[in-house]
Amino acid sequence: MEEKYRLMFVFRTRDISMLYCIGMDYLKGAMFSVMLYSPNDDMQLDYNTGHYPKELVNYLRLEKDKIDRGLYDIRMWKMDLYDEKVKK
């Protein structure tokens, strides 16, 4: 099966219950960023998503459990901006 989308990471704005999903759109050869309503870490894919491609929403629906559990949260990943060996 051909991969059409790949989610890279998400970040949350808890004060306004929004979730931003950042990933790759292999159909267009571009990155995507979508904003979704996510009260109490429960992503709502039926709320204000009619303007997003249906295939993307379906892909996010498949990943919903992982997203809600925090697997894709950017805080889960350590960011390295340089190589320590090069610095020394």
C-alpha atoms as a PDB file:
ATOM      1  CA  MET A   1       0.000   0.000   0.000  1.00  0.00           C
ATOM      2  CA  GLU A   2       1.348   3.397  -0.990  1.00  0.00           C
ATOM      3  CA  GLU A   3       2.026   5.812   1.866  1.00  0.00           C
ATOM      4  CA  LYS A   4       0.249   9.125   1.250  1.00  0.00           C
ATOM      5  CA  TYR A   5       0.812  10.900   4.557  1.00  0.00           C
ATOM      6  CA  ARG A   6       3.269  10.649   7.436  1.00  0.00           C
ATOM      7  CA  LEU A   7       2.788  12.403  10.748  1.00  0.00           C
ATOM      8  CA  MET A   8       6.051  13.753  12.150  1.00  0.00           C
ATOM      9  CA  PHE A   9       5.007  15.392  15.428  1.00  0.00           C
ATOM     10  CA  VAL A  10       2.256  17.290  17.206  1.00  0.00           C
ATOM     11  CA  PHE A  11       2.214  20.068  19.742  1.00  0.00           C
ATOM     12  CA  ARG A  12      -0.604  21.116  22.022  1.00  0.00           C
ATOM     13  CA  THR A  13      -1.918  24.425  23.256  1.00  0.00           C
ATOM     14  CA  ARG A  14      -3.678  23.305  26.407  1.00  0.00           C
ATOM     15  CA  ASP A  15      -5.026  26.743  27.285  1.00  0.00           C
ATOM     16  CA  ILE A  16      -7.233  26.768  24.155  1.00  0.00           C
ATOM     17  CA  SER A  17      -7.491  22.971  23.648  1.00  0.00           C
ATOM     18  CA  MET A  18      -5.920  22.934  20.195  1.00  0.00           C
ATOM     19  CA  LEU A  19      -3.568  20.410  18.660  1.00  0.00           C
ATOM     20  CA  TYR A  20      -1.264  21.116  15.718  1.00  0.00           C
ATOM     21  CA  CYS A  21      -0.226  18.155  13.558  1.00  0.00           C
ATOM     22  CA  ILE A  22       2.869  18.521  11.390  1.00  0.00           C
ATOM     23  CA  GLY A  23       3.739  15.939   8.771  1.00  0.00           C
ATOM     24  CA  MET A  24       4.484  15.081   5.164  1.00  0.00           C
ATOM     25  CA  ASP A  25       2.001  15.020   2.303  1.00  0.00           C
ATOM     26  CA  TYR A  26       3.563  12.613  -0.195  1.00  0.00           C
ATOM     27  CA  LEU A  27       0.788  13.293  -2.725  1.00  0.00           C
ATOM     28  CA  LYS A  28       1.848  16.939  -3.088  1.00  0.00           C
ATOM     29  CA  GLY A  29       5.477  16.535  -2.053  1.00  0.00           C
ATOM     30  CA  ALA A  30       5.037  19.070   0.735  1.00  0.00           C
ATOM     31  CA  MET A  31       4.684  19.382   4.469  1.00  0.00           C
ATOM     32  CA  PHE A  32       1.283  19.833   6.074  1.00  0.00           C
ATOM     33  CA  SER A  33       0.169  21.536   9.252  1.00  0.00           C
ATOM     34  CA  VAL A  34      -3.375  21.113  10.529  1.00  0.00           C
ATOM     35  CA  MET A  35      -5.003  22.576  13.614  1.00  0.00           C
ATOM     36  CA  LEU A  36      -7.528  20.389  15.420  1.00  0.00           C
ATOM     37  CA  TYR A  37      -9.742  20.774  18.463  1.00  0.00           C
ATOM     38  CA  SER A  38      -8.494  18.503  21.239  1.00  0.00           C
ATOM     39  CA  PRO A  39     -10.135  19.060  24.633  1.00  0.00           C
ATOM     40  CA  ASN A  40      -8.626  16.930  27.405  1.00  0.00           C
ATOM     41  CA  ASP A  41      -6.181  15.326  24.937  1.00  0.00           C
ATOM     42  CA  ASP A  42      -9.050  13.824  22.919  1.00  0.00           C
ATOM     43  CA  MET A  43      -8.595  14.849  19.282  1.00  0.00           C
ATOM     44  CA  GLN A  44     -11.952  15.710  17.657  1.00  0.00           C
ATOM     45  CA  LEU A  45     -11.776  14.803  13.952  1.00  0.00           C
ATOM     46  CA  ASP A  46     -15.424  15.612  13.313  1.00  0.00           C
ATOM     47  CA  TYR A  47     -15.124  19.211  14.529  1.00  0.00           C
ATOM     48  CA  ASN A  48     -14.215  21.837  11.886  1.00  0.00           C
ATOM     49  CA  THR A  49     -12.244  19.482   9.615  1.00  0.00           C
ATOM     50  CA  GLY A  50     -14.397  19.682   6.479  1.00  0.00           C
ATOM     51  CA  HIS A  51     -11.833  21.879   4.725  1.00  0.00           C
ATOM     52  CA  TYR A  52      -9.026  19.303   5.124  1.00  0.00           C
ATOM     53  CA  PRO A  53      -8.545  16.530   2.528  1.00  0.00           C
ATOM     54  CA  LYS A  54     -10.676  13.494   3.443  1.00  0.00           C
ATOM     55  CA  GLU A  55      -7.712  11.124   2.988  1.00  0.00           C
ATOM     56  CA  LEU A  56      -5.682  13.170   5.481  1.00  0.00           C
ATOM     57  CA  VAL A  57      -8.501  13.140   8.040  1.00  0.00           C
ATOM     58  CA  ASN A  58      -8.844   9.366   7.563  1.00  0.00           C
ATOM     59  CA  TYR A  59      -5.090   8.951   8.099  1.00  0.00           C
ATOM     60  CA  LEU A  60      -5.270  11.025  11.299  1.00  0.00           C
ATOM     61  CA  ARG A  61      -8.232   8.900  12.411  1.00  0.00           C
ATOM     62  CA  LEU A  62      -5.998   5.809  12.117  1.00  0.00           C
ATOM     63  CA  GLU A  63      -3.323   7.537  14.219  1.00  0.00           C
ATOM     64  CA  LYS A  64      -5.787   9.044  16.730  1.00  0.00           C
ATOM     65  CA  ASP A  65      -5.072   6.666  19.603  1.00  0.00           C
ATOM     66  CA  LYS A  66      -1.308   7.234  19.334  1.00  0.00           C
ATOM     67  CA  ILE A  67      -1.790  11.001  19.087  1.00  0.00           C
ATOM     68  CA  ASP A  68      -4.126  11.122  22.085  1.00  0.00           C
ATOM     69  CA  ARG A  69      -1.678   9.048  24.161  1.00  0.00           C
ATOM     70  CA  GLY A  70       1.140  11.489  23.368  1.00  0.00           C
ATOM     71  CA  LEU A  71       3.312   9.301  21.130  1.00  0.00           C
ATOM     72  CA  TYR A  72       3.760  12.081  18.568  1.00  0.00           C
ATOM     73  CA  ASP A  73       4.171  14.934  21.076  1.00  0.00           C
ATOM     74  CA  ILE A  74       7.263  16.938  20.231  1.00  0.00           C
ATOM     75  CA  ARG A  75       8.315  16.905  23.891  1.00  0.00           C
ATOM     76  CA  MET A  76       8.849  13.126  23.569  1.00  0.00           C
ATOM     77  CA  TRP A  77      11.839  13.599  21.276  1.00  0.00           C
ATOM     78  CA  LYS A  78      15.282  14.927  22.126  1.00  0.00           C
ATOM     79  CA  MET A  79      16.399  17.542  19.638  1.00  0.00           C
ATOM     80  CA  ASP A  80      20.115  17.658  18.780  1.00  0.00           C
ATOM     81  CA  LEU A  81      21.190  20.764  16.903  1.00  0.00           C
ATOM     82  CA  TYR A  82      24.840  19.808  16.645  1.00  0.00           C
ATOM     83  CA  ASP A  83      27.155  16.859  17.129  1.00  0.00           C
ATOM     84  CA  GLU A  84      29.001  16.892  20.486  1.00  0.00           C
ATOM     85  CA  LYS A  85      32.070  15.258  18.868  1.00  0.00           C
ATOM     86  CA  VAL A  86      32.391  18.116  16.382  1.00  0.00           C
ATOM     87  CA  LYS A  87      32.105  20.677  19.186  1.00  0.00           C
ATOM     88  CA  LYS A  88      35.120  19.170  21.020  1.00  0.00           C
END
